[in-house]
Every structure is written in structure tokens, then in C-alpha cells.
Amino acid sequence: MRSNMDNIKMINESVLIGFYEAEPCLWNPLDPGYTDNDLRRNALQKILILGKIQDNGDNNVTALEKRFKRYVNKYVKELYKVNEDPLKAYKPRWEHYDRLDKFLNPLFQQKISTCPAKTNAAAKRPPPSQGAGPSSANGNTPSKKKTLNPSMSAAPETAPHARFGKHVATVLDSFDRDDAAAAVIEIQEVLIKYVTKV
């Protein structure tokens, strides 16, 4: 007997992405139906019907939703790589990147370009001390007091949610790569919902 994911895998990925693009309530937080769970479920069921996958209750709908989340996560990872390359020479090798980029880029590009790149964090660190310096009795150079990044040491009055942000980052760092990417997408979706209210 086939699993639900096997049923979903029977649909050609390019076709599946086309079905996904045609249902903005599944991926666009600005779409009026994005927060309507019934409408989203109906859109997923419609895709199952178009893909000629028999409705197996919530199981196939859930499997399809997970498949789309994996596509978005993979797209976002590739988009980060594109933006992190200072020479803009990185070309994603994933065959579906361009297709997803066509409709997901406006949602993610601004968020990704405003996030500090992973490689920039290393550039902000002070260089390790070099040369002869004072040494301790055991021959090791005494450690210097760490200088805090100004954005991390902001006073509570200026950054009321900085501690929560640090907590979220710590929790995300404890997840495996795929779960962390999925959680980031969901957190971004929640934030987009409130940003669009402004």
C-alpha cells in the first residue's frame, strides 16, 4: 500500500508547483484567503483532484501541505545563497528555483536582504590577537573581555523584544536544519501578517 507522500510524489513537480502558484491563498500572506483555513484546505483538495490523487481525508492534504513547505524552505535556502554571494555569481542548481522565484521572490527578497547575512557576522568579529602579548604563568595568552555587538547590547528601552529574539534564535539553533527552516518560514508568515496591517 502506498503512503500518502508516495501518492503526492506521483504528481510531476513542475505541475505541482504550477497548481501551487495558481492558489495564492496557500503562499501569499497578502491574499484575503491566506488566513482562512477552510479556503486553504479546499485549495489543497482542488490540487489533489487536479493531480488525480484520490482524497484520503486529511492525510493527503497534510502530505501535500508538507510538500509545499519543503519547496518553500528549499527556495528560501537558495535565495539566501544568492543574496550572500557578494559577486552575485551564485546560480541555484535546483531545477525548480526559477519557477518558484517568479512568484515567491516579492515575498521573501526584502526580508532576506534586510536580514544580516551569515557571512557578515564573521566579518564584524574583531580579529584574533596576533603577535606577542602578555602571557600568563602557564604560557597562554590571557583572554580578553569580549566586546558586545552594539545591536545585541541594546538597552531594553530601545529594543524591547531583543531578548525574545535572542531566545527564538537559540531555539532555532537547537533544531535540525529542515525543522529550523520550516519554523523560520512560519515565523515570517506570522510577522508578515502583522506588518501588512500597518
C-alpha atoms as a PDB file:
ATOM      1  CA  MET A   1       0.000   0.000   0.000  1.00  0.00           C
ATOM      2  CA  ARG A   2       1.312   3.406  -0.926  1.00  0.00           C
ATOM      3  CA  SER A   3       1.925   6.082   1.683  1.00  0.00           C
ATOM      4  CA  ASN A   4       0.309   9.496   1.355  1.00  0.00           C
ATOM      5  CA  MET A   5       3.650  11.049   0.405  1.00  0.00           C
ATOM      6  CA  ASP A   6       4.098   8.426  -2.324  1.00  0.00           C
ATOM      7  CA  ASN A   7       0.712   9.437  -3.739  1.00  0.00           C
ATOM      8  CA  ILE A   8       1.793  13.085  -3.798  1.00  0.00           C
ATOM      9  CA  LYS A   9       5.126  12.168  -5.424  1.00  0.00           C
ATOM     10  CA  MET A  10       3.200  10.742  -8.369  1.00  0.00           C
ATOM     11  CA  ILE A  11       2.360  14.298  -9.446  1.00  0.00           C
ATOM     12  CA  ASN A  12       5.069  15.859 -11.607  1.00  0.00           C
ATOM     13  CA  GLU A  13       6.878  18.502  -9.511  1.00  0.00           C
ATOM     14  CA  SER A  14       6.615  21.216 -12.179  1.00  0.00           C
ATOM     15  CA  VAL A  15       2.886  20.592 -12.486  1.00  0.00           C
ATOM     16  CA  LEU A  16       2.523  20.610  -8.695  1.00  0.00           C
ATOM     17  CA  ILE A  17       4.331  23.956  -8.442  1.00  0.00           C
ATOM     18  CA  GLY A  18       2.025  25.346 -11.152  1.00  0.00           C
ATOM     19  CA  PHE A  19      -1.021  24.244  -9.136  1.00  0.00           C
ATOM     20  CA  TYR A  20       0.536  25.844  -6.042  1.00  0.00           C
ATOM     21  CA  GLU A  21       1.179  29.140  -7.842  1.00  0.00           C
ATOM     22  CA  ALA A  22      -2.440  29.215  -9.017  1.00  0.00           C
ATOM     23  CA  GLU A  23      -3.642  29.158  -5.379  1.00  0.00           C
ATOM     24  CA  PRO A  24      -2.210  32.314  -3.761  1.00  0.00           C
ATOM     25  CA  CYS A  25      -4.174  31.660  -0.566  1.00  0.00           C
ATOM     26  CA  LEU A  26      -1.581  28.926   0.106  1.00  0.00           C
ATOM     27  CA  TRP A  27       1.530  31.080  -0.200  1.00  0.00           C
ATOM     28  CA  ASN A  28       0.726  34.802  -0.233  1.00  0.00           C
ATOM     29  CA  PRO A  29       0.069  36.397   3.182  1.00  0.00           C
ATOM     30  CA  LEU A  30      -1.456  39.401   1.375  1.00  0.00           C
ATOM     31  CA  ASP A  31      -4.166  37.222  -0.194  1.00  0.00           C
ATOM     32  CA  PRO A  32      -7.522  37.631   1.622  1.00  0.00           C
ATOM     33  CA  GLY A  33      -7.916  33.837   1.838  1.00  0.00           C
ATOM     34  CA  TYR A  34      -4.495  33.251   3.386  1.00  0.00           C
ATOM     35  CA  THR A  35      -5.866  33.171   6.943  1.00  0.00           C
ATOM     36  CA  ASP A  36      -8.998  31.211   6.020  1.00  0.00           C
ATOM     37  CA  ASN A  37      -8.206  27.587   6.923  1.00  0.00           C
ATOM     38  CA  ASP A  38     -11.265  26.236   5.109  1.00  0.00           C
ATOM     39  CA  LEU A  39     -10.350  28.041   1.904  1.00  0.00           C
ATOM     40  CA  ARG A  40      -6.744  26.805   2.168  1.00  0.00           C
ATOM     41  CA  ARG A  41      -7.926  23.229   2.730  1.00  0.00           C
ATOM     42  CA  ASN A  42     -10.252  23.498  -0.266  1.00  0.00           C
ATOM     43  CA  ALA A  43      -7.371  24.770  -2.407  1.00  0.00           C
ATOM     44  CA  LEU A  44      -5.237  21.780  -1.348  1.00  0.00           C
ATOM     45  CA  GLN A  45      -8.107  19.382  -2.121  1.00  0.00           C
ATOM     46  CA  LYS A  46      -8.528  21.032  -5.526  1.00  0.00           C
ATOM     47  CA  ILE A  47      -4.841  20.392  -6.249  1.00  0.00           C
ATOM     48  CA  LEU A  48      -5.268  16.737  -5.250  1.00  0.00           C
ATOM     49  CA  ILE A  49      -8.191  16.445  -7.651  1.00  0.00           C
ATOM     50  CA  LEU A  50      -6.273  18.158 -10.473  1.00  0.00           C
ATOM     51  CA  GLY A  51      -3.346  15.830  -9.799  1.00  0.00           C
ATOM     52  CA  LYS A  52      -5.718  12.849  -9.930  1.00  0.00           C
ATOM     53  CA  ILE A  53      -4.858  11.791  -6.379  1.00  0.00           C
ATOM     54  CA  GLN A  54      -7.829  10.296  -4.619  1.00  0.00           C
ATOM     55  CA  ASP A  55      -8.877  12.105  -1.479  1.00  0.00           C
ATOM     56  CA  ASN A  56      -7.726  10.115   1.522  1.00  0.00           C
ATOM     57  CA  GLY A  57      -9.124  12.545   4.058  1.00  0.00           C
ATOM     58  CA  ASP A  58      -6.733  14.806   5.908  1.00  0.00           C
ATOM     59  CA  ASN A  59      -3.746  12.543   5.255  1.00  0.00           C
ATOM     60  CA  ASN A  60      -3.186  13.535   1.618  1.00  0.00           C
ATOM     61  CA  VAL A  61      -3.988  17.182   2.345  1.00  0.00           C
ATOM     62  CA  THR A  62      -1.395  17.201   5.148  1.00  0.00           C
ATOM     63  CA  ALA A  63       1.164  15.408   2.972  1.00  0.00           C
ATOM     64  CA  LEU A  64       0.613  17.941   0.174  1.00  0.00           C
ATOM     65  CA  GLU A  65       0.944  20.856   2.579  1.00  0.00           C
ATOM     66  CA  LYS A  66       4.252  19.417   3.876  1.00  0.00           C
ATOM     67  CA  ARG A  67       5.486  19.029   0.309  1.00  0.00           C
ATOM     68  CA  PHE A  68       4.790  22.684  -0.426  1.00  0.00           C
ATOM     69  CA  LYS A  69       6.538  23.737   2.792  1.00  0.00           C
ATOM     70  CA  ARG A  70       9.614  21.775   1.711  1.00  0.00           C
ATOM     71  CA  TYR A  71       9.571  23.535  -1.666  1.00  0.00           C
ATOM     72  CA  VAL A  72       9.381  26.948   0.011  1.00  0.00           C
ATOM     73  CA  ASN A  73      12.116  26.040   2.516  1.00  0.00           C
ATOM     74  CA  LYS A  74      14.421  24.879  -0.248  1.00  0.00           C
ATOM     75  CA  TYR A  75      13.668  28.008  -2.274  1.00  0.00           C
ATOM     76  CA  VAL A  76      14.452  30.275   0.712  1.00  0.00           C
ATOM     77  CA  LYS A  77      17.751  28.466   1.359  1.00  0.00           C
ATOM     78  CA  GLU A  78      18.752  29.003  -2.261  1.00  0.00           C
ATOM     79  CA  LEU A  79      17.649  32.639  -2.146  1.00  0.00           C
ATOM     80  CA  TYR A  80      19.878  33.176   0.904  1.00  0.00           C
ATOM     81  CA  LYS A  81      22.810  31.736  -1.043  1.00  0.00           C
ATOM     82  CA  VAL A  82      22.057  34.022  -3.987  1.00  0.00           C
ATOM     83  CA  ASN A  83      21.977  37.086  -1.709  1.00  0.00           C
ATOM     84  CA  GLU A  84      25.062  36.086   0.298  1.00  0.00           C
ATOM     85  CA  ASP A  85      27.275  35.893  -2.778  1.00  0.00           C
ATOM     86  CA  PRO A  86      28.953  39.317  -2.973  1.00  0.00           C
ATOM     87  CA  LEU A  87      29.784  38.796  -6.644  1.00  0.00           C
ATOM     88  CA  LYS A  88      26.240  37.663  -7.442  1.00  0.00           C
ATOM     89  CA  ALA A  89      27.772  34.750  -9.322  1.00  0.00           C
ATOM     90  CA  TYR A  90      25.911  32.004  -7.434  1.00  0.00           C
ATOM     91  CA  LYS A  91      23.360  30.307  -9.672  1.00  0.00           C
ATOM     92  CA  PRO A  92      20.968  27.899  -7.954  1.00  0.00           C
ATOM     93  CA  ARG A  93      21.199  24.388  -9.353  1.00  0.00           C
ATOM     94  CA  TRP A  94      17.780  23.309  -8.113  1.00  0.00           C
ATOM     95  CA  GLU A  95      15.640  22.911 -11.197  1.00  0.00           C
ATOM     96  CA  HIS A  96      12.533  24.481  -9.627  1.00  0.00           C
ATOM     97  CA  TYR A  97      14.205  27.587  -8.198  1.00  0.00           C
ATOM     98  CA  ASP A  98      13.376  29.891 -11.144  1.00  0.00           C
ATOM     99  CA  ARG A  99       9.768  28.747 -11.247  1.00  0.00           C
ATOM    100  CA  LEU A 100       9.256  29.441  -7.528  1.00  0.00           C
ATOM    101  CA  ASP A 101      11.299  32.642  -7.705  1.00  0.00           C
ATOM    102  CA  LYS A 102       8.811  34.007 -10.221  1.00  0.00           C
ATOM    103  CA  PHE A 103       6.072  34.301  -7.596  1.00  0.00           C
ATOM    104  CA  LEU A 104       7.795  33.908  -4.199  1.00  0.00           C
ATOM    105  CA  ASN A 105      10.605  36.415  -4.696  1.00  0.00           C
ATOM    106  CA  PRO A 106       8.496  39.513  -3.901  1.00  0.00           C
ATOM    107  CA  LEU A 107       7.534  37.936  -0.570  1.00  0.00           C
ATOM    108  CA  PHE A 108      10.994  36.861   0.552  1.00  0.00           C
ATOM    109  CA  GLN A 109      13.530  39.119  -1.171  1.00  0.00           C
ATOM    110  CA  GLN A 110      13.035  42.142   1.052  1.00  0.00           C
ATOM    111  CA  LYS A 111      13.081  40.077   4.251  1.00  0.00           C
ATOM    112  CA  ILE A 112      16.228  38.240   3.241  1.00  0.00           C
ATOM    113  CA  SER A 113      18.040  41.355   2.054  1.00  0.00           C
ATOM    114  CA  THR A 114      17.277  43.143   5.344  1.00  0.00           C
ATOM    115  CA  CYS A 115      18.462  40.197   7.457  1.00  0.00           C
ATOM    116  CA  PRO A 116      22.152  40.249   8.233  1.00  0.00           C
ATOM    117  CA  ALA A 117      23.891  37.645   6.146  1.00  0.00           C
ATOM    118  CA  LYS A 118      25.534  34.771   7.941  1.00  0.00           C
ATOM    119  CA  THR A 119      28.845  35.699   6.403  1.00  0.00           C
ATOM    120  CA  ASN A 120      28.587  39.297   7.625  1.00  0.00           C
ATOM    121  CA  ALA A 121      28.516  38.137  11.248  1.00  0.00           C
ATOM    122  CA  ALA A 122      32.020  36.757  10.916  1.00  0.00           C
ATOM    123  CA  ALA A 123      33.221  39.988   9.296  1.00  0.00           C
ATOM    124  CA  LYS A 124      32.038  42.007  12.314  1.00  0.00           C
ATOM    125  CA  ARG A 125      34.043  39.953  14.815  1.00  0.00           C
ATOM    126  CA  PRO A 126      37.311  41.502  15.911  1.00  0.00           C
ATOM    127  CA  PRO A 127      40.359  39.701  14.519  1.00  0.00           C
ATOM    128  CA  PRO A 128      42.095  37.311  16.901  1.00  0.00           C
ATOM    129  CA  SER A 129      45.010  38.874  18.739  1.00  0.00           C
ATOM    130  CA  GLN A 130      48.294  38.342  16.965  1.00  0.00           C
ATOM    131  CA  GLY A 131      51.910  38.711  17.950  1.00  0.00           C
ATOM    132  CA  ALA A 132      53.432  38.639  21.363  1.00  0.00           C
ATOM    133  CA  GLY A 133      51.249  39.845  24.103  1.00  0.00           C
ATOM    134  CA  PRO A 134      51.299  39.485  27.851  1.00  0.00           C
ATOM    135  CA  SER A 135      51.298  35.859  28.822  1.00  0.00           C
ATOM    136  CA  SER A 136      50.201  34.161  31.973  1.00  0.00           C
ATOM    137  CA  ALA A 137      52.264  31.822  34.099  1.00  0.00           C
ATOM    138  CA  ASN A 138      51.008  28.778  32.175  1.00  0.00           C
ATOM    139  CA  GLY A 139      52.161  30.231  28.840  1.00  0.00           C
ATOM    140  CA  ASN A 140      48.692  31.002  27.465  1.00  0.00           C
ATOM    141  CA  THR A 141      47.674  34.455  26.411  1.00  0.00           C
ATOM    142  CA  PRO A 142      45.046  35.702  28.850  1.00  0.00           C
ATOM    143  CA  SER A 143      41.649  36.006  27.263  1.00  0.00           C
ATOM    144  CA  LYS A 144      40.355  39.479  26.607  1.00  0.00           C
ATOM    145  CA  LYS A 145      36.966  40.600  27.758  1.00  0.00           C
ATOM    146  CA  LYS A 146      34.523  40.094  24.891  1.00  0.00           C
ATOM    147  CA  THR A 147      33.167  43.201  23.245  1.00  0.00           C
ATOM    148  CA  LEU A 148      29.430  43.005  22.757  1.00  0.00           C
ATOM    149  CA  ASN A 149      27.926  43.687  19.381  1.00  0.00           C
ATOM    150  CA  PRO A 150      26.050  47.027  19.787  1.00  0.00           C
ATOM    151  CA  SER A 151      22.861  45.545  18.387  1.00  0.00           C
ATOM    152  CA  MET A 152      22.987  42.729  20.949  1.00  0.00           C
ATOM    153  CA  SER A 153      23.633  45.041  23.903  1.00  0.00           C
ATOM    154  CA  ALA A 154      20.812  47.478  23.188  1.00  0.00           C
ATOM    155  CA  ALA A 155      19.062  48.746  26.261  1.00  0.00           C
ATOM    156  CA  PRO A 156      15.570  47.334  26.890  1.00  0.00           C
ATOM    157  CA  GLU A 157      14.085  50.793  26.192  1.00  0.00           C
ATOM    158  CA  THR A 158      15.479  50.792  22.646  1.00  0.00           C
ATOM    159  CA  ALA A 159      14.926  47.126  21.822  1.00  0.00           C
ATOM    160  CA  PRO A 160      12.002  45.793  23.860  1.00  0.00           C
ATOM    161  CA  HIS A 161      11.922  42.440  22.055  1.00  0.00           C
ATOM    162  CA  ALA A 162      15.653  41.825  21.718  1.00  0.00           C
ATOM    163  CA  ARG A 163      15.687  39.213  24.494  1.00  0.00           C
ATOM    164  CA  PHE A 164      12.794  37.355  22.896  1.00  0.00           C
ATOM    165  CA  GLY A 165      14.545  37.491  19.518  1.00  0.00           C
ATOM    166  CA  LYS A 166      17.673  36.022  21.085  1.00  0.00           C
ATOM    167  CA  HIS A 167      15.556  33.268  22.664  1.00  0.00           C
ATOM    168  CA  VAL A 168      13.958  32.462  19.297  1.00  0.00           C
ATOM    169  CA  ALA A 169      17.400  32.315  17.669  1.00  0.00           C
ATOM    170  CA  THR A 170      18.682  29.980  20.397  1.00  0.00           C
ATOM    171  CA  VAL A 171      15.711  27.647  19.981  1.00  0.00           C
ATOM    172  CA  LEU A 172      16.048  27.652  16.181  1.00  0.00           C
ATOM    173  CA  ASP A 173      19.755  26.818  16.510  1.00  0.00           C
ATOM    174  CA  SER A 174      18.804  23.716  18.516  1.00  0.00           C
ATOM    175  CA  PHE A 175      16.629  22.357  15.660  1.00  0.00           C
ATOM    176  CA  ASP A 176      17.902  20.333  12.744  1.00  0.00           C
ATOM    177  CA  ARG A 177      18.331  22.310   9.515  1.00  0.00           C
ATOM    178  CA  ASP A 178      14.981  21.398   7.893  1.00  0.00           C
ATOM    179  CA  ASP A 179      12.906  21.980  11.028  1.00  0.00           C
ATOM    180  CA  ALA A 180      14.647  25.303  11.640  1.00  0.00           C
ATOM    181  CA  ALA A 181      13.967  26.407   8.054  1.00  0.00           C
ATOM    182  CA  ALA A 182      10.301  25.392   8.366  1.00  0.00           C
ATOM    183  CA  ALA A 183       9.980  27.248  11.668  1.00  0.00           C
ATOM    184  CA  VAL A 184      11.571  30.372  10.159  1.00  0.00           C
ATOM    185  CA  ILE A 185       9.016  30.314   7.334  1.00  0.00           C
ATOM    186  CA  GLU A 186       6.139  30.050   9.789  1.00  0.00           C
ATOM    187  CA  ILE A 187       7.543  32.832  11.989  1.00  0.00           C
ATOM    188  CA  GLN A 188       7.978  35.033   8.908  1.00  0.00           C
ATOM    189  CA  GLU A 189       4.389  34.344   7.864  1.00  0.00           C
ATOM    190  CA  VAL A 190       3.127  35.490  11.269  1.00  0.00           C
ATOM    191  CA  LEU A 191       5.268  38.631  11.129  1.00  0.00           C
ATOM    192  CA  ILE A 192       4.117  39.423   7.570  1.00  0.00           C
ATOM    193  CA  LYS A 193       0.523  39.179   8.738  1.00  0.00           C
ATOM    194  CA  TYR A 194       1.138  41.958  11.284  1.00  0.00           C
ATOM    195  CA  VAL A 195       3.410  44.043   9.073  1.00  0.00           C
ATOM    196  CA  THR A 196       0.695  44.199   6.423  1.00  0.00           C
ATOM    197  CA  LYS A 197      -1.750  45.628   8.991  1.00  0.00           C
ATOM    198  CA  VAL A 198       0.367  48.774   9.283  1.00  0.00           C
END
